[in-house]
Amino acid sequence: MRSVIFCATLVLLLFLTGCLATKVVTIPMRVAGEVVGFVPVVGGVVEGAVDTTAGVVDLVPL
């Protein structure tokens, strides 16, 4: 169930905001952050850093 919600969120992120070019870069970053997020202790820190970086890339006006 969580993977279905995650995939739906990715689709919404792709089509709702920003430029498609930045989404092509940031969606794989977010997916990698989610995968690393399952690792105990350091996963949450890495996931947060990747998500923050992807958010900054989303703001780039292309």
C-alpha atoms as a PDB file:
ATOM      1  CA  MET A   1       0.000   0.000   0.000  1.00  0.00           C
ATOM      2  CA  ARG A   2       2.806   2.374   0.844  1.00  0.00           C
ATOM      3  CA  SER A   3       4.374   1.845  -2.583  1.00  0.00           C
ATOM      4  CA  VAL A   4       1.082   2.709  -4.297  1.00  0.00           C
ATOM      5  CA  ILE A   5       0.817   5.942  -2.335  1.00  0.00           C
ATOM      6  CA  PHE A   6       4.465   6.700  -3.077  1.00  0.00           C
ATOM      7  CA  CYS A   7       3.951   6.148  -6.824  1.00  0.00           C
ATOM      8  CA  ALA A   8       0.848   8.328  -6.814  1.00  0.00           C
ATOM      9  CA  THR A   9       2.808  11.058  -5.045  1.00  0.00           C
ATOM     10  CA  LEU A  10       5.551  10.837  -7.666  1.00  0.00           C
ATOM     11  CA  VAL A  11       3.018  11.241 -10.460  1.00  0.00           C
ATOM     12  CA  LEU A  12       1.492  14.269  -8.735  1.00  0.00           C
ATOM     13  CA  LEU A  13       4.928  15.805  -8.230  1.00  0.00           C
ATOM     14  CA  LEU A  14       5.672  15.293 -11.901  1.00  0.00           C
ATOM     15  CA  PHE A  15       2.574  17.013 -13.232  1.00  0.00           C
ATOM     16  CA  LEU A  16       1.438  19.572 -10.674  1.00  0.00           C
ATOM     17  CA  THR A  17       4.314  21.994 -10.203  1.00  0.00           C
ATOM     18  CA  GLY A  18       7.383  23.300 -11.940  1.00  0.00           C
ATOM     19  CA  CYS A  19       9.064  22.465 -15.165  1.00  0.00           C
ATOM     20  CA  LEU A  20       9.206  18.948 -16.571  1.00  0.00           C
ATOM     21  CA  ALA A  21      13.005  19.187 -16.991  1.00  0.00           C
ATOM     22  CA  THR A  22      13.572  19.661 -13.269  1.00  0.00           C
ATOM     23  CA  LYS A  23      11.157  16.835 -12.489  1.00  0.00           C
ATOM     24  CA  VAL A  24      13.195  14.475 -14.658  1.00  0.00           C
ATOM     25  CA  VAL A  25      16.145  15.189 -12.353  1.00  0.00           C
ATOM     26  CA  THR A  26      14.425  15.373  -8.981  1.00  0.00           C
ATOM     27  CA  ILE A  27      12.064  12.400  -9.139  1.00  0.00           C
ATOM     28  CA  PRO A  28      14.913   9.848  -9.327  1.00  0.00           C
ATOM     29  CA  MET A  29      16.585  11.744  -6.473  1.00  0.00           C
ATOM     30  CA  ARG A  30      13.438  11.463  -4.365  1.00  0.00           C
ATOM     31  CA  VAL A  31      13.055   7.763  -5.169  1.00  0.00           C
ATOM     32  CA  ALA A  32      16.666   7.133  -4.132  1.00  0.00           C
ATOM     33  CA  GLY A  33      16.036   9.077  -0.931  1.00  0.00           C
ATOM     34  CA  GLU A  34      13.032   6.911  -0.138  1.00  0.00           C
ATOM     35  CA  VAL A  35      15.029   3.723  -0.733  1.00  0.00           C
ATOM     36  CA  VAL A  36      17.853   4.915   1.515  1.00  0.00           C
ATOM     37  CA  GLY A  37      15.259   6.026   4.078  1.00  0.00           C
ATOM     38  CA  PHE A  38      14.596   2.392   4.989  1.00  0.00           C
ATOM     39  CA  VAL A  39      18.108   2.041   6.469  1.00  0.00           C
ATOM     40  CA  PRO A  40      17.934   2.393  10.251  1.00  0.00           C
ATOM     41  CA  VAL A  41      19.598   5.386  11.957  1.00  0.00           C
ATOM     42  CA  VAL A  42      21.220   7.190   8.986  1.00  0.00           C
ATOM     43  CA  GLY A  43      18.389   6.600   6.504  1.00  0.00           C
ATOM     44  CA  GLY A  44      16.222   9.425   7.796  1.00  0.00           C
ATOM     45  CA  VAL A  45      19.068  11.922   7.693  1.00  0.00           C
ATOM     46  CA  VAL A  46      20.046  11.003   4.130  1.00  0.00           C
ATOM     47  CA  GLU A  47      16.434  10.998   2.993  1.00  0.00           C
ATOM     48  CA  GLY A  48      15.912  14.480   4.420  1.00  0.00           C
ATOM     49  CA  ALA A  49      19.055  15.820   2.753  1.00  0.00           C
ATOM     50  CA  VAL A  50      18.102  14.364  -0.630  1.00  0.00           C
ATOM     51  CA  ASP A  51      14.560  15.703  -0.333  1.00  0.00           C
ATOM     52  CA  THR A  52      15.838  19.178   0.566  1.00  0.00           C
ATOM     53  CA  THR A  53      18.246  19.158  -2.382  1.00  0.00           C
ATOM     54  CA  ALA A  54      15.506  18.005  -4.736  1.00  0.00           C
ATOM     55  CA  GLY A  55      13.287  20.817  -3.456  1.00  0.00           C
ATOM     56  CA  VAL A  56      15.979  23.360  -4.286  1.00  0.00           C
ATOM     57  CA  VAL A  57      16.389  21.902  -7.775  1.00  0.00           C
ATOM     58  CA  ASP A  58      12.610  22.157  -8.251  1.00  0.00           C
ATOM     59  CA  LEU A  59      12.849  25.896  -7.646  1.00  0.00           C
ATOM     60  CA  VAL A  60      15.333  26.430 -10.506  1.00  0.00           C
ATOM     61  CA  PRO A  61      13.496  28.414 -13.193  1.00  0.00           C
ATOM     62  CA  LEU A  62      14.007  26.460 -16.423  1.00  0.00           C
END
